[in-house]
Structure formats: C-alpha cells, structure tokens
N, C-alpha and C. Protein backbone atom coordinates (compact mmCIF):
# COMPACT_ATOMS: atom_id res chain seq x y z
N MET A 1 72.79 31.30 116.03
CA MET A 1 72.10 30.73 117.35
C MET A 1 70.80 30.79 117.42
N LYS A 2 70.12 29.79 117.79
CA LYS A 2 68.45 29.86 117.82
C LYS A 2 68.05 29.97 119.32
N ILE A 3 67.03 30.78 119.52
CA ILE A 3 66.55 30.91 120.71
C ILE A 3 64.90 30.53 120.65
N LEU A 4 64.62 29.54 121.57
CA LEU A 4 63.41 29.03 121.91
C LEU A 4 62.83 29.52 122.98
N ILE A 5 61.33 29.45 123.06
CA ILE A 5 60.65 29.76 124.33
C ILE A 5 60.21 28.56 125.18
N ASP A 6 60.48 28.53 126.46
CA ASP A 6 60.45 27.41 127.23
C ASP A 6 58.97 27.57 127.91
N SER A 7 57.79 27.26 127.49
CA SER A 7 56.68 27.52 127.98
C SER A 7 55.66 26.86 127.35
N ALA A 8 54.47 26.74 127.95
CA ALA A 8 52.99 26.23 127.39
C ALA A 8 52.14 27.37 127.64
N ASP A 9 52.33 28.69 127.90
CA ASP A 9 51.57 29.32 128.25
C ASP A 9 51.35 30.42 127.24
N ILE A 10 50.15 30.07 126.08
CA ILE A 10 50.17 30.51 125.02
C ILE A 10 49.93 31.99 124.93
N LYS A 11 49.30 32.55 125.98
CA LYS A 11 49.39 34.07 125.95
C LYS A 11 50.84 34.73 126.18
N ALA A 12 51.53 34.29 126.86
CA ALA A 12 53.25 34.44 127.11
C ALA A 12 53.98 34.40 125.68
N ILE A 13 53.83 33.06 125.16
CA ILE A 13 54.16 32.90 123.86
C ILE A 13 53.81 33.95 122.77
N GLU A 14 52.62 34.25 122.60
CA GLU A 14 52.36 35.27 121.59
C GLU A 14 52.82 36.70 121.94
N LYS A 15 52.79 37.12 123.10
CA LYS A 15 53.44 38.12 123.38
C LYS A 15 54.88 38.19 123.35
N LEU A 16 55.70 37.19 123.36
CA LEU A 16 57.13 36.89 123.15
C LEU A 16 57.49 37.14 121.70
N TYR A 17 56.56 36.26 121.05
CA TYR A 17 56.86 36.30 119.53
C TYR A 17 56.67 37.75 118.90
N GLU A 18 55.97 38.77 119.48
CA GLU A 18 55.68 40.02 119.02
C GLU A 18 56.91 40.63 118.98
N CYS A 19 57.87 40.70 120.03
CA CYS A 19 59.07 41.07 120.19
C CYS A 19 60.44 40.61 119.92
N PHE A 20 60.36 39.27 120.27
CA PHE A 20 61.83 38.60 120.32
C PHE A 20 61.95 37.72 118.97
N PRO A 21 62.94 37.67 118.56
CA PRO A 21 63.30 36.86 117.35
C PRO A 21 63.45 35.01 117.72
N VAL A 22 62.51 34.68 118.04
CA VAL A 22 62.55 33.50 118.55
C VAL A 22 62.09 32.50 117.26
N CYS A 23 62.32 31.34 117.48
CA CYS A 23 62.07 30.26 116.07
C CYS A 23 61.37 28.91 116.77
N GLY A 24 60.82 28.98 117.94
CA GLY A 24 60.04 27.99 118.32
C GLY A 24 59.48 27.88 120.02
N VAL A 25 59.27 26.82 120.31
CA VAL A 25 58.88 26.45 121.82
C VAL A 25 58.94 25.01 122.30
N THR A 26 59.60 24.91 123.33
CA THR A 26 59.93 23.75 124.13
C THR A 26 58.83 23.56 125.08
N THR A 27 58.12 22.39 125.33
CA THR A 27 57.35 22.20 126.43
C THR A 27 57.82 20.98 127.29
N ASN A 28 57.19 20.75 128.45
CA ASN A 28 57.25 19.49 129.15
C ASN A 28 56.08 19.39 129.97
N PRO A 29 55.80 18.14 130.79
CA PRO A 29 54.78 17.78 131.26
C PRO A 29 54.34 18.89 132.64
N SER A 30 55.72 19.31 133.10
CA SER A 30 55.23 20.29 134.33
C SER A 30 54.83 21.49 133.68
N LEU A 31 55.23 21.95 132.61
CA LEU A 31 54.58 23.36 131.92
C LEU A 31 53.17 23.05 131.75
N LEU A 32 52.87 22.05 130.97
CA LEU A 32 51.74 21.74 130.27
C LEU A 32 50.72 21.56 131.63
N SER A 33 50.96 21.03 132.74
CA SER A 33 50.30 20.89 133.81
C SER A 33 49.85 22.02 134.47
N LYS A 34 50.46 22.99 134.31
CA LYS A 34 50.30 24.44 134.86
C LYS A 34 49.10 25.11 134.04
N GLU A 35 48.73 24.45 132.83
CA GLU A 35 47.75 25.10 132.48
C GLU A 35 46.37 24.82 132.58
N ASN A 36 46.23 23.60 133.13
CA ASN A 36 44.92 22.92 133.63
C ASN A 36 44.04 22.83 132.63
N LYS A 37 44.60 22.55 131.27
CA LYS A 37 43.69 22.15 130.05
C LYS A 37 44.03 20.92 129.61
N ASP A 38 43.48 20.35 128.77
CA ASP A 38 43.78 19.13 128.06
C ASP A 38 45.21 19.62 127.43
N PRO A 39 46.11 18.78 127.57
CA PRO A 39 47.63 19.14 127.02
C PRO A 39 47.82 19.18 125.47
N TYR A 40 46.84 18.28 124.75
CA TYR A 40 46.99 18.07 123.18
C TYR A 40 46.30 19.34 122.86
N GLU A 41 45.17 19.97 123.43
CA GLU A 41 44.41 21.29 123.03
C GLU A 41 45.36 22.21 123.27
N VAL A 42 46.31 22.60 124.23
CA VAL A 42 47.38 23.35 124.48
C VAL A 42 48.32 23.27 123.36
N LEU A 43 48.90 22.37 123.09
CA LEU A 43 49.81 21.89 122.15
C LEU A 43 49.46 22.18 120.64
N LYS A 44 48.29 21.96 120.50
CA LYS A 44 47.51 22.40 119.22
C LYS A 44 47.54 23.65 118.89
N ARG A 45 47.07 24.61 120.04
CA ARG A 45 46.99 25.99 120.06
C ARG A 45 48.21 26.69 119.78
N ILE A 46 49.51 26.05 120.39
CA ILE A 46 50.44 26.53 120.14
C ILE A 46 51.09 26.37 118.78
N ARG A 47 50.80 25.16 118.19
CA ARG A 47 51.21 24.90 116.81
C ARG A 47 50.40 25.67 115.98
N ALA A 48 49.46 25.79 116.26
CA ALA A 48 48.64 26.83 115.13
C ALA A 48 49.09 28.22 115.09
N PHE A 49 49.64 28.66 116.53
CA PHE A 49 50.24 30.12 116.35
C PHE A 49 51.59 30.04 115.72
N ILE A 50 52.42 29.17 116.22
CA ILE A 50 53.89 29.24 115.65
C ILE A 50 54.18 28.80 114.28
N GLY A 51 53.38 28.18 113.59
CA GLY A 51 53.24 27.64 112.39
C GLY A 51 53.97 26.52 112.30
N GLU A 52 55.14 26.74 111.36
CA GLU A 52 56.06 25.87 110.96
C GLU A 52 57.38 25.81 112.12
N ASP A 53 57.60 26.53 112.79
CA ASP A 53 58.46 27.05 113.85
C ASP A 53 58.51 25.48 114.61
N GLU A 54 59.89 25.36 115.22
CA GLU A 54 59.80 24.11 116.02
C GLU A 54 58.93 24.02 117.36
N LEU A 55 58.80 22.91 117.48
CA LEU A 55 57.82 22.65 118.77
C LEU A 55 58.29 21.33 119.27
N HIS A 56 58.77 21.58 120.64
CA HIS A 56 59.18 20.16 121.32
C HIS A 56 58.35 19.77 122.21
N VAL A 57 57.95 18.51 122.09
CA VAL A 57 56.99 17.86 123.11
C VAL A 57 57.65 16.67 123.50
N GLU A 58 57.30 16.58 125.11
CA GLU A 58 57.97 15.12 125.64
C GLU A 58 57.06 14.04 125.88
N SER A 59 57.55 12.82 125.12
CA SER A 59 57.21 11.54 125.81
C SER A 59 56.98 11.32 127.13
N LEU A 60 55.73 10.82 127.41
CA LEU A 60 55.84 10.19 128.93
C LEU A 60 55.78 8.70 129.23
N CYS A 61 56.15 8.10 128.06
CA CYS A 61 56.29 6.43 128.05
C CYS A 61 57.82 6.10 128.51
N LYS A 62 57.78 4.91 129.12
CA LYS A 62 59.11 4.44 129.39
C LYS A 62 59.78 3.40 128.77
N ARG A 63 58.85 2.47 128.11
CA ARG A 63 59.49 1.51 127.30
C ARG A 63 59.59 1.91 126.03
N ALA A 64 60.60 1.51 125.06
CA ALA A 64 60.91 1.97 123.73
C ALA A 64 59.74 1.80 122.76
N GLU A 65 59.24 0.57 122.93
CA GLU A 65 58.08 0.26 121.90
C GLU A 65 56.91 1.28 122.18
N ASP A 66 56.68 1.44 123.64
CA ASP A 66 55.67 2.78 123.77
C ASP A 66 56.00 3.95 123.31
N ILE A 67 57.28 4.44 123.63
CA ILE A 67 57.65 5.95 123.31
C ILE A 67 57.54 6.18 121.58
N VAL A 68 57.88 5.00 120.88
CA VAL A 68 57.83 5.22 119.63
C VAL A 68 56.47 5.36 118.93
N ASP A 69 55.61 4.60 119.79
CA ASP A 69 54.00 4.66 119.31
C ASP A 69 53.72 6.18 119.50
N GLU A 70 53.99 6.54 120.91
CA GLU A 70 53.62 8.02 121.25
C GLU A 70 54.05 9.03 120.52
N ALA A 71 55.46 8.58 120.30
CA ALA A 71 56.14 9.57 118.88
C ALA A 71 55.30 10.01 117.71
N LEU A 72 54.85 8.85 117.10
CA LEU A 72 54.07 8.78 115.95
C LEU A 72 52.54 9.55 116.04
N ALA A 73 52.09 9.35 117.43
CA ALA A 73 50.63 10.28 117.40
C ALA A 73 50.94 11.46 117.83
N ILE A 74 52.10 11.94 118.22
CA ILE A 74 52.36 13.51 118.64
C ILE A 74 52.93 13.92 117.18
N THR A 75 53.59 13.48 116.19
CA THR A 75 53.88 14.03 115.12
C THR A 75 52.50 13.90 114.14
N ARG A 76 51.74 13.02 114.36
CA ARG A 76 50.63 13.01 113.36
C ARG A 76 49.80 14.24 113.85
N ILE A 77 49.51 14.56 115.04
CA ILE A 77 48.61 15.38 115.67
C ILE A 77 49.36 16.72 115.38
N LEU A 78 50.62 16.71 115.56
CA LEU A 78 51.14 18.23 115.53
C LEU A 78 52.18 18.55 114.57
N GLY A 79 52.24 17.61 113.67
CA GLY A 79 53.26 17.78 112.44
C GLY A 79 54.53 17.53 112.44
N ASP A 80 55.31 17.45 111.11
CA ASP A 80 56.43 16.92 111.37
C ASP A 80 57.51 18.01 111.87
N ASP A 81 57.17 19.27 111.99
CA ASP A 81 58.31 20.06 112.58
C ASP A 81 58.13 19.87 113.94
N THR A 82 57.43 18.84 114.57
CA THR A 82 57.51 18.57 115.91
C THR A 82 58.74 17.73 116.42
N TYR A 83 59.49 17.92 117.58
CA TYR A 83 60.56 17.20 117.87
C TYR A 83 59.96 16.50 119.14
N VAL A 84 60.22 15.23 119.24
CA VAL A 84 59.66 14.38 120.38
C VAL A 84 61.03 14.25 121.46
N LYS A 85 60.40 14.91 122.50
CA LYS A 85 61.62 14.86 123.73
C LYS A 85 61.62 13.50 124.29
N ILE A 86 62.68 13.03 124.60
CA ILE A 86 62.92 11.84 125.04
C ILE A 86 64.12 11.63 126.20
N PRO A 87 63.72 11.37 127.50
CA PRO A 87 64.78 11.36 128.44
C PRO A 87 65.84 9.99 128.13
N VAL A 88 67.16 10.43 128.34
CA VAL A 88 68.14 9.45 128.00
C VAL A 88 68.24 8.50 129.15
N THR A 89 67.35 7.56 128.88
CA THR A 89 67.61 6.19 129.56
C THR A 89 68.08 5.10 128.53
N ALA A 90 68.16 4.06 128.77
CA ALA A 90 68.48 3.08 127.72
C ALA A 90 67.22 2.59 126.78
N GLU A 91 66.14 2.72 127.32
CA GLU A 91 65.00 2.46 126.60
C GLU A 91 64.90 3.83 125.56
N GLY A 92 64.87 5.06 126.40
CA GLY A 92 65.01 6.14 125.46
C GLY A 92 65.81 6.10 124.31
N VAL A 93 67.12 5.75 124.39
CA VAL A 93 67.91 5.76 123.39
C VAL A 93 67.71 4.84 122.20
N LYS A 94 67.02 3.61 122.67
CA LYS A 94 66.54 2.76 121.95
C LYS A 94 65.54 3.27 121.28
N ALA A 95 64.60 3.95 121.59
CA ALA A 95 63.54 4.57 120.83
C ALA A 95 64.16 5.54 119.91
N ILE A 96 64.89 6.38 120.30
CA ILE A 96 65.65 7.20 119.50
C ILE A 96 65.90 6.76 117.93
N LYS A 97 66.70 5.50 118.30
CA LYS A 97 67.48 5.11 117.04
C LYS A 97 66.02 4.54 116.24
N ARG A 98 65.17 3.96 116.72
CA ARG A 98 64.15 3.56 115.79
C ARG A 98 63.20 4.69 115.04
N LEU A 99 62.94 5.71 116.13
CA LEU A 99 62.66 7.02 115.51
C LEU A 99 63.44 7.44 114.27
N ARG A 100 64.53 7.35 114.46
CA ARG A 100 65.51 8.04 113.34
C ARG A 100 65.13 7.32 112.07
N GLU A 101 65.10 6.20 112.32
CA GLU A 101 64.80 5.13 111.14
C GLU A 101 63.34 5.43 110.53
N LEU A 102 62.56 5.99 111.25
CA LEU A 102 61.21 6.34 110.84
C LEU A 102 61.11 7.81 110.07
N GLY A 103 62.22 8.64 110.39
CA GLY A 103 62.03 10.05 109.99
C GLY A 103 61.57 10.90 110.92
N ILE A 104 61.66 10.35 112.23
CA ILE A 104 60.89 11.19 113.19
C ILE A 104 62.08 12.12 114.01
N LYS A 105 61.94 13.59 114.31
CA LYS A 105 62.92 14.17 114.83
C LYS A 105 62.73 14.08 116.32
N THR A 106 63.78 14.34 117.12
CA THR A 106 63.81 13.74 118.55
C THR A 106 64.83 14.57 119.27
N THR A 107 64.65 15.03 120.46
CA THR A 107 65.62 15.84 121.07
C THR A 107 65.59 15.03 122.62
N ALA A 108 67.10 14.54 122.68
CA ALA A 108 67.29 13.83 123.88
C ALA A 108 67.27 14.67 124.90
N THR A 109 66.65 14.60 126.02
CA THR A 109 66.59 15.37 127.15
C THR A 109 66.88 15.00 128.45
N ALA A 110 66.97 15.84 129.41
CA ALA A 110 67.40 15.42 130.79
C ALA A 110 68.77 15.09 130.80
N ILE A 111 69.73 15.46 130.06
CA ILE A 111 71.15 15.30 129.96
C ILE A 111 71.92 15.95 131.05
N PHE A 112 72.92 15.21 131.54
CA PHE A 112 73.81 15.98 132.56
C PHE A 112 75.36 15.60 132.20
N THR A 113 75.55 14.65 131.26
CA THR A 113 76.96 14.45 130.98
C THR A 113 77.20 14.40 129.58
N LEU A 114 78.44 14.53 129.15
CA LEU A 114 78.51 14.54 127.89
C LEU A 114 78.60 13.23 127.35
N GLY A 115 78.80 12.10 127.90
CA GLY A 115 78.52 10.69 127.50
C GLY A 115 77.07 10.42 127.31
N GLN A 116 76.23 11.10 127.93
CA GLN A 116 74.82 10.93 127.62
C GLN A 116 74.53 11.29 126.31
N ALA A 117 74.96 12.64 126.16
CA ALA A 117 74.77 13.38 124.86
C ALA A 117 75.24 12.65 123.86
N TYR A 118 76.61 12.02 123.88
CA TYR A 118 77.19 11.66 122.69
C TYR A 118 76.49 10.30 122.19
N ILE A 119 76.19 9.59 122.94
CA ILE A 119 75.55 8.13 122.74
C ILE A 119 74.06 8.64 122.13
N SER A 120 73.45 9.69 122.91
CA SER A 120 72.20 10.10 122.11
C SER A 120 72.16 10.56 120.55
N ALA A 121 73.33 11.25 120.52
CA ALA A 121 73.63 11.85 119.06
C ALA A 121 74.17 10.63 118.25
N LEU A 122 74.87 9.64 118.65
CA LEU A 122 75.03 8.51 117.75
C LEU A 122 73.83 7.87 117.46
N ALA A 123 72.90 7.78 118.09
CA ALA A 123 71.61 6.86 118.36
C ALA A 123 70.89 7.57 117.26
N GLY A 124 71.08 9.26 117.12
CA GLY A 124 70.18 9.73 115.93
C GLY A 124 69.43 10.78 116.34
N ALA A 125 69.61 11.20 117.59
CA ALA A 125 68.92 12.61 118.16
C ALA A 125 69.24 13.67 117.20
N SER A 126 68.23 14.48 116.95
CA SER A 126 68.37 15.77 116.33
C SER A 126 69.03 16.82 117.32
N TYR A 127 68.58 16.77 118.28
CA TYR A 127 68.95 17.57 119.53
C TYR A 127 69.24 16.82 120.60
N VAL A 128 70.47 17.45 121.37
CA VAL A 128 70.66 17.08 122.86
C VAL A 128 70.34 18.16 123.62
N ALA A 129 69.57 17.97 125.03
CA ALA A 129 69.18 19.17 125.67
C ALA A 129 70.03 19.00 127.07
N PRO A 130 71.18 19.52 127.28
CA PRO A 130 71.98 19.70 128.72
C PRO A 130 71.22 20.58 129.54
N TYR A 131 70.94 20.17 130.72
CA TYR A 131 70.30 20.88 131.77
C TYR A 131 71.14 21.68 132.52
N VAL A 132 71.35 22.96 132.14
CA VAL A 132 72.44 23.69 132.59
C VAL A 132 72.69 23.92 134.09
N ASN A 133 71.41 24.54 134.66
CA ASN A 133 71.43 24.87 135.96
C ASN A 133 71.47 23.70 136.88
N ARG A 134 70.67 22.66 136.42
CA ARG A 134 70.58 21.53 137.35
C ARG A 134 72.02 20.95 137.27
N ILE A 135 72.86 20.90 136.31
CA ILE A 135 74.24 20.39 136.24
C ILE A 135 74.93 21.03 137.17
N GLU A 136 74.90 22.51 137.52
CA GLU A 136 75.48 23.30 138.41
C GLU A 136 74.99 22.70 139.78
N MET A 137 73.68 22.58 139.99
CA MET A 137 73.13 22.05 141.36
C MET A 137 73.94 20.90 141.65
N GLN A 138 74.36 20.06 140.72
CA GLN A 138 75.18 19.18 141.26
C GLN A 138 76.57 18.86 141.37
N GLY A 139 77.12 20.37 141.36
CA GLY A 139 78.48 20.57 141.67
C GLY A 139 79.29 20.62 140.34
N GLU A 140 78.82 20.53 139.12
CA GLU A 140 79.52 20.66 138.11
C GLU A 140 79.30 22.00 137.55
N ASP A 141 80.08 22.18 136.41
CA ASP A 141 79.94 23.58 135.30
C ASP A 141 79.09 23.08 134.40
N GLY A 142 77.86 23.78 134.46
CA GLY A 142 76.74 23.64 133.57
C GLY A 142 76.94 24.22 132.19
N THR A 143 77.62 25.30 131.97
CA THR A 143 77.74 26.10 130.95
C THR A 143 79.02 25.25 130.01
N GLN A 144 79.84 24.94 131.03
CA GLN A 144 80.82 24.29 130.13
C GLN A 144 80.80 22.82 129.74
N THR A 145 79.81 22.21 130.54
CA THR A 145 79.53 20.96 129.92
C THR A 145 78.75 20.93 128.51
N ALA A 146 77.72 22.13 128.75
CA ALA A 146 77.06 22.15 127.36
C ALA A 146 78.14 22.51 126.18
N LEU A 147 78.99 23.38 126.57
CA LEU A 147 80.14 23.64 125.56
C LEU A 147 80.81 22.45 124.82
N ASN A 148 81.27 21.58 125.99
CA ASN A 148 82.11 20.29 125.94
C ASN A 148 81.28 19.63 124.73
N ILE A 149 79.93 19.27 125.07
CA ILE A 149 79.19 18.64 124.37
C ILE A 149 79.03 19.02 122.70
N GLN A 150 78.97 20.40 122.63
CA GLN A 150 78.85 20.78 121.51
C GLN A 150 80.22 20.84 120.59
N GLU A 151 81.14 20.93 121.49
CA GLU A 151 82.74 20.63 120.58
C GLU A 151 82.84 19.18 120.31
N ALA A 152 82.42 18.26 121.29
CA ALA A 152 82.50 16.60 120.93
C ALA A 152 81.57 16.47 119.67
N LEU A 153 80.54 17.02 119.45
CA LEU A 153 79.41 16.59 118.49
C LEU A 153 80.18 17.35 116.96
N ARG A 154 80.54 18.54 117.10
CA ARG A 154 81.16 19.12 115.93
C ARG A 154 82.41 18.41 115.66
N ALA A 155 83.36 17.75 116.38
CA ALA A 155 84.47 17.23 116.42
C ALA A 155 84.38 15.92 115.48
N SER A 156 83.18 15.26 115.73
CA SER A 156 82.67 13.83 115.31
C SER A 156 81.83 14.06 114.00
N GLU A 157 81.66 15.41 113.61
CA GLU A 157 80.79 15.64 112.36
C GLU A 157 79.56 15.23 112.44
N LEU A 158 78.80 14.97 113.58
CA LEU A 158 77.46 14.43 113.88
C LEU A 158 76.56 15.85 113.54
N GLU A 159 75.45 15.28 112.77
CA GLU A 159 74.45 16.28 112.71
C GLU A 159 73.63 16.91 113.97
N CYS A 160 73.67 16.13 115.17
CA CYS A 160 72.97 16.60 116.18
C CYS A 160 73.58 18.07 116.77
N LYS A 161 72.49 18.70 117.04
CA LYS A 161 72.69 20.04 117.76
C LYS A 161 72.42 20.13 119.15
N VAL A 162 73.00 21.11 119.76
CA VAL A 162 72.92 21.13 121.43
C VAL A 162 71.69 21.97 121.57
N LEU A 163 70.81 21.83 122.41
CA LEU A 163 69.58 23.01 122.89
C LEU A 163 69.75 22.65 124.45
N ALA A 164 70.58 23.80 124.49
CA ALA A 164 70.87 24.21 126.24
C ALA A 164 69.67 24.75 127.03
N ALA A 165 68.98 24.05 128.09
CA ALA A 165 67.90 24.36 128.77
C ALA A 165 68.39 24.42 130.25
N SER A 166 67.24 24.87 130.89
CA SER A 166 67.61 25.06 132.51
C SER A 166 68.32 26.19 132.86
N PHE A 167 67.82 27.31 132.66
CA PHE A 167 68.82 28.38 133.19
C PHE A 167 68.12 29.15 134.32
N LYS A 168 68.99 29.72 135.47
CA LYS A 168 68.60 30.48 136.39
C LYS A 168 69.08 31.80 136.30
N ARG A 169 70.32 32.02 135.76
CA ARG A 169 71.07 33.16 135.68
C ARG A 169 71.16 33.81 134.26
N ILE A 170 71.23 34.91 134.21
CA ILE A 170 71.52 35.43 133.11
C ILE A 170 73.13 35.19 132.52
N ASP A 171 73.95 35.20 133.62
CA ASP A 171 75.51 34.93 133.05
C ASP A 171 75.37 33.38 132.34
N GLN A 172 74.69 32.56 132.76
CA GLN A 172 74.78 31.16 132.16
C GLN A 172 74.24 31.40 130.72
N VAL A 173 73.35 32.36 130.34
CA VAL A 173 73.17 32.37 129.28
C VAL A 173 73.87 33.03 128.45
N GLU A 174 74.58 34.10 128.69
CA GLU A 174 75.27 34.93 128.19
C GLU A 174 76.76 34.29 127.75
N MET A 175 77.35 33.44 128.39
CA MET A 175 78.25 32.79 128.57
C MET A 175 78.23 31.71 127.00
N LEU A 176 77.01 30.97 126.98
CA LEU A 176 76.68 30.25 125.90
C LEU A 176 76.29 31.03 124.60
N ILE A 177 75.91 32.33 124.79
CA ILE A 177 76.01 33.11 123.67
C ILE A 177 77.33 33.62 123.02
N ILE A 178 78.26 33.73 124.15
CA ILE A 178 79.48 34.40 123.56
C ILE A 178 80.08 33.30 122.77
N LYS A 179 79.88 31.84 123.17
CA LYS A 179 80.60 30.73 122.65
C LYS A 179 79.75 30.27 121.69
N ASN A 180 78.80 30.62 121.01
CA ASN A 180 77.85 30.36 119.88
C ASN A 180 77.31 29.19 119.97
N ILE A 181 76.64 29.00 121.10
CA ILE A 181 76.10 27.44 121.30
C ILE A 181 74.81 27.29 120.20
N ASP A 182 74.77 26.16 119.83
CA ASP A 182 73.57 26.05 118.76
C ASP A 182 72.30 26.69 119.00
N ALA A 183 71.55 26.29 120.27
CA ALA A 183 70.42 26.77 120.74
C ALA A 183 70.17 26.78 121.77
N ILE A 184 69.24 27.65 122.39
CA ILE A 184 68.93 27.77 123.92
C ILE A 184 67.45 27.91 124.13
N THR A 185 66.80 27.29 125.19
CA THR A 185 65.31 27.39 125.28
C THR A 185 65.33 28.30 126.62
N LEU A 186 64.31 29.19 126.80
CA LEU A 186 64.40 30.14 128.26
C LEU A 186 63.09 30.25 128.37
N SER A 187 62.74 30.40 129.66
CA SER A 187 61.43 30.60 130.13
C SER A 187 60.83 32.15 129.63
N PRO A 188 59.84 32.32 129.69
CA PRO A 188 59.33 33.66 129.56
C PRO A 188 60.27 35.12 130.24
N ALA A 189 60.04 34.55 131.57
CA ALA A 189 60.98 35.75 132.59
C ALA A 189 62.23 35.68 132.46
N MET A 190 62.89 34.67 131.68
CA MET A 190 64.36 34.56 131.74
C MET A 190 64.84 35.19 130.39
N LEU A 191 63.84 35.27 129.43
CA LEU A 191 63.98 35.64 127.98
C LEU A 191 63.69 37.25 128.06
N SER A 192 62.86 37.57 128.86
CA SER A 192 62.53 39.12 129.04
C SER A 192 63.53 39.84 129.64
N SER A 193 64.34 38.94 130.50
CA SER A 193 65.33 39.72 131.55
C SER A 193 66.45 39.99 130.59
N LEU A 194 66.74 39.48 129.49
CA LEU A 194 67.73 39.82 128.61
C LEU A 194 67.70 41.37 128.12
N LEU A 195 66.60 41.85 128.19
CA LEU A 195 66.44 43.41 127.76
C LEU A 195 66.30 44.04 128.98
N ASP A 196 66.28 43.55 130.30
CA ASP A 196 65.94 44.30 131.18
C ASP A 196 67.24 44.66 132.07
N ASN A 197 67.62 46.17 131.82
CA ASN A 197 68.79 46.66 132.45
C ASN A 197 68.38 48.12 133.38
N ASP A 198 68.84 48.01 134.56
CA ASP A 198 68.79 49.31 134.99
C ASP A 198 69.75 50.45 134.41
N GLY A 199 70.70 50.11 133.95
CA GLY A 199 71.27 51.51 132.92
C GLY A 199 70.53 51.77 131.86
N THR A 200 69.81 50.86 131.36
CA THR A 200 69.27 51.37 130.30
C THR A 200 67.64 52.36 130.54
N LYS A 201 67.28 51.75 131.51
CA LYS A 201 65.89 52.67 132.15
C LYS A 201 66.53 53.89 132.46
N ALA A 202 67.65 54.19 133.14
CA ALA A 202 68.12 55.44 133.83
C ALA A 202 68.36 56.28 132.49
N ALA A 203 68.97 55.69 131.33
CA ALA A 203 69.40 56.33 129.95
C ALA A 203 68.05 56.84 129.54
N ILE A 204 67.12 56.29 129.57
CA ILE A 204 65.77 56.54 128.94
C ILE A 204 65.00 57.67 129.66
N LYS A 205 65.18 57.76 131.01
CA LYS A 205 64.66 58.60 131.80
C LYS A 205 65.48 59.91 131.54
N ASP A 206 67.04 59.84 131.34
CA ASP A 206 67.48 61.28 131.14
C ASP A 206 67.24 61.56 129.74
N PHE A 207 66.88 60.89 128.58
CA PHE A 207 66.63 61.14 127.44
C PHE A 207 65.24 61.99 127.50
N ASP A 208 64.23 61.21 128.22
CA ASP A 208 63.15 61.90 128.43
C ASP A 208 63.13 63.42 129.04
N LYS A 209 63.96 63.47 130.08
CA LYS A 209 64.13 64.53 130.82
C LYS A 209 64.76 65.60 129.87
N ALA A 210 65.93 65.44 129.19
CA ALA A 210 66.52 66.23 128.25
C ALA A 210 65.53 66.72 127.02
N PHE A 211 64.60 65.72 126.62
CA PHE A 211 63.67 66.08 125.52
C PHE A 211 62.68 67.14 126.01
N LYS A 212 62.38 67.17 127.16
CA LYS A 212 61.27 68.26 127.84
C LYS A 212 61.82 69.58 127.96
N THR A 213 63.13 69.67 127.72
CA THR A 213 63.75 71.20 128.17
C THR A 213 63.93 71.62 126.58
N LEU A 214 63.69 70.91 125.47
CA LEU A 214 63.80 71.62 124.16
C LEU A 214 62.44 72.55 124.13
N LYS A 215 62.83 73.74 123.05
CA LYS A 215 61.93 74.48 122.97
C LYS A 215 61.02 73.92 121.96
N ARG A 216 59.74 74.20 122.19
CA ARG A 216 58.67 73.61 121.27
C ARG A 216 58.90 73.88 119.74
N GLU A 217 59.33 75.30 119.48
CA GLU A 217 59.62 75.74 118.22
C GLU A 217 60.45 75.03 117.44
N ASN A 218 61.69 74.74 118.04
CA ASN A 218 62.78 74.02 117.57
C ASN A 218 62.37 72.49 117.17
N MET A 219 61.76 72.13 118.03
CA MET A 219 61.11 70.61 117.94
C MET A 219 60.34 70.48 116.52
N SER A 220 59.49 71.45 116.37
CA SER A 220 58.40 71.56 115.19
C SER A 220 59.34 71.86 113.90
N ILE A 221 60.09 72.64 113.93
CA ILE A 221 61.08 72.53 112.53
C ILE A 221 61.87 71.16 112.36
N THR A 222 62.22 70.81 113.33
CA THR A 222 62.89 69.48 113.34
C THR A 222 61.76 68.47 112.76
N LEU A 223 60.71 68.28 113.21
CA LEU A 223 59.90 67.21 112.78
C LEU A 223 59.46 67.82 111.29
N ASP A 224 59.24 69.14 110.87
CA ASP A 224 58.91 69.47 109.58
C ASP A 224 60.09 68.96 108.65
N ARG A 225 61.14 69.20 109.05
CA ARG A 225 62.38 68.46 107.99
C ARG A 225 62.40 67.38 107.71
N HIS A 226 61.81 66.27 108.58
CA HIS A 226 61.85 64.92 108.41
C HIS A 226 60.48 64.41 107.86
C-alpha cells in the first residue's frame, strides 16, 4: 500500500519525508490557495524536493479540450511522473480517455460512487480517488465504498488503482490499511496522528523513569561492552 501526503505546504512535506515512508504528494486548488504564492512555483518546488515520486495536480478547466491542453502544460512543467487530477464529470471522463491515448497519467477525483470509479477506470484513469469522509457525510459507508471500488477493479483486471482520500478519523484509515487498499493520501496532521498514542507516551515516560534508577557504574559497564 502506498501512502501520499495531501498538502501543498513544502515545509510540512519536507518534515514528513524525513520520517514517514511516503511515495508522493497530492494537491488541490484549496491547498495551493493556502500558500498565497504562485501555484506553479509551489508545485515546482514540491517536484524539485520529491524527485521522481508521484505528484498529483488538479485541472481547473471544465471542457474536455481545455482539460487536455492544461494537462499537457502541467506535465510539461512538472514532469511525466505527474498525475493530472480530473473530476468525474462527463467532460472529465472524455478528457481522461484522450489523455490516456496521449500517455498522460490521470487521477479521477471527487468520486462518491462505484459507478463513477468504474467508468473512469474503463476510460483509462491511472487512479480513482474516492472521498471517504465526504461519502460518509452523505450517509454512506465511505471505507466500504473504497473497498468495493477496489474489488470491482481487480475483478475486472483493470490496471487502475484506488487512491483513497478525504479522511477525518484514524479508524477510517486503519480499516483501509487492514484491507490493503492500493493507496491513501493523508493530511500532515492525519499522517502524524498515526504515530500519536497516549499509551506509547506513557510507556516512554515509564522507561525514562526506570532508566534514571539505574546505577551509573552499571550503565557504564553496559555501554563499554557495546
């Protein structure tokens, strides 16, 4: 399973890359707008830092022809390892079909149903991105929808993978980990919280307390032996 960072904050990305075994970054217009800088300058800096890892960048156009043109510009500027995120409208699916012919990688995004994901996969999307928490906000089971999508794609032997997105709770993430979802993208806060546990903190405090009770001479002998 792949883990990606859902952020346009280069400092946060750099910090997380130091610790976590991540393999790329996903962005969207909302995340880029928070940086208050030219979006392409932000994206180029992210690309320079992550190298050949995956970078997912959303198209802002609505018509298929314009989406294709924008996708070509995105990959020309940011490289072939860039996935163009395209919302699953009729025009979006039309663009995905054309971009597959051109060899451009795409991520069908803003997915809420298995049907949307399946059509996008048949059209040639490299990834489909179900919005787990937003699906739950509509009264459906977001994690199960993501898993149903993956099962359908694998059963049909389609090359398209699932990139689950939009998480608000750790249990949503852990359920997909248990079921070996293809990939997930997490905000810096959500990714960091995977390691954050009160039990671990308490255990470390106990270890520190026990360590301080050791006799210094015994500790010195132990260190010398190693």
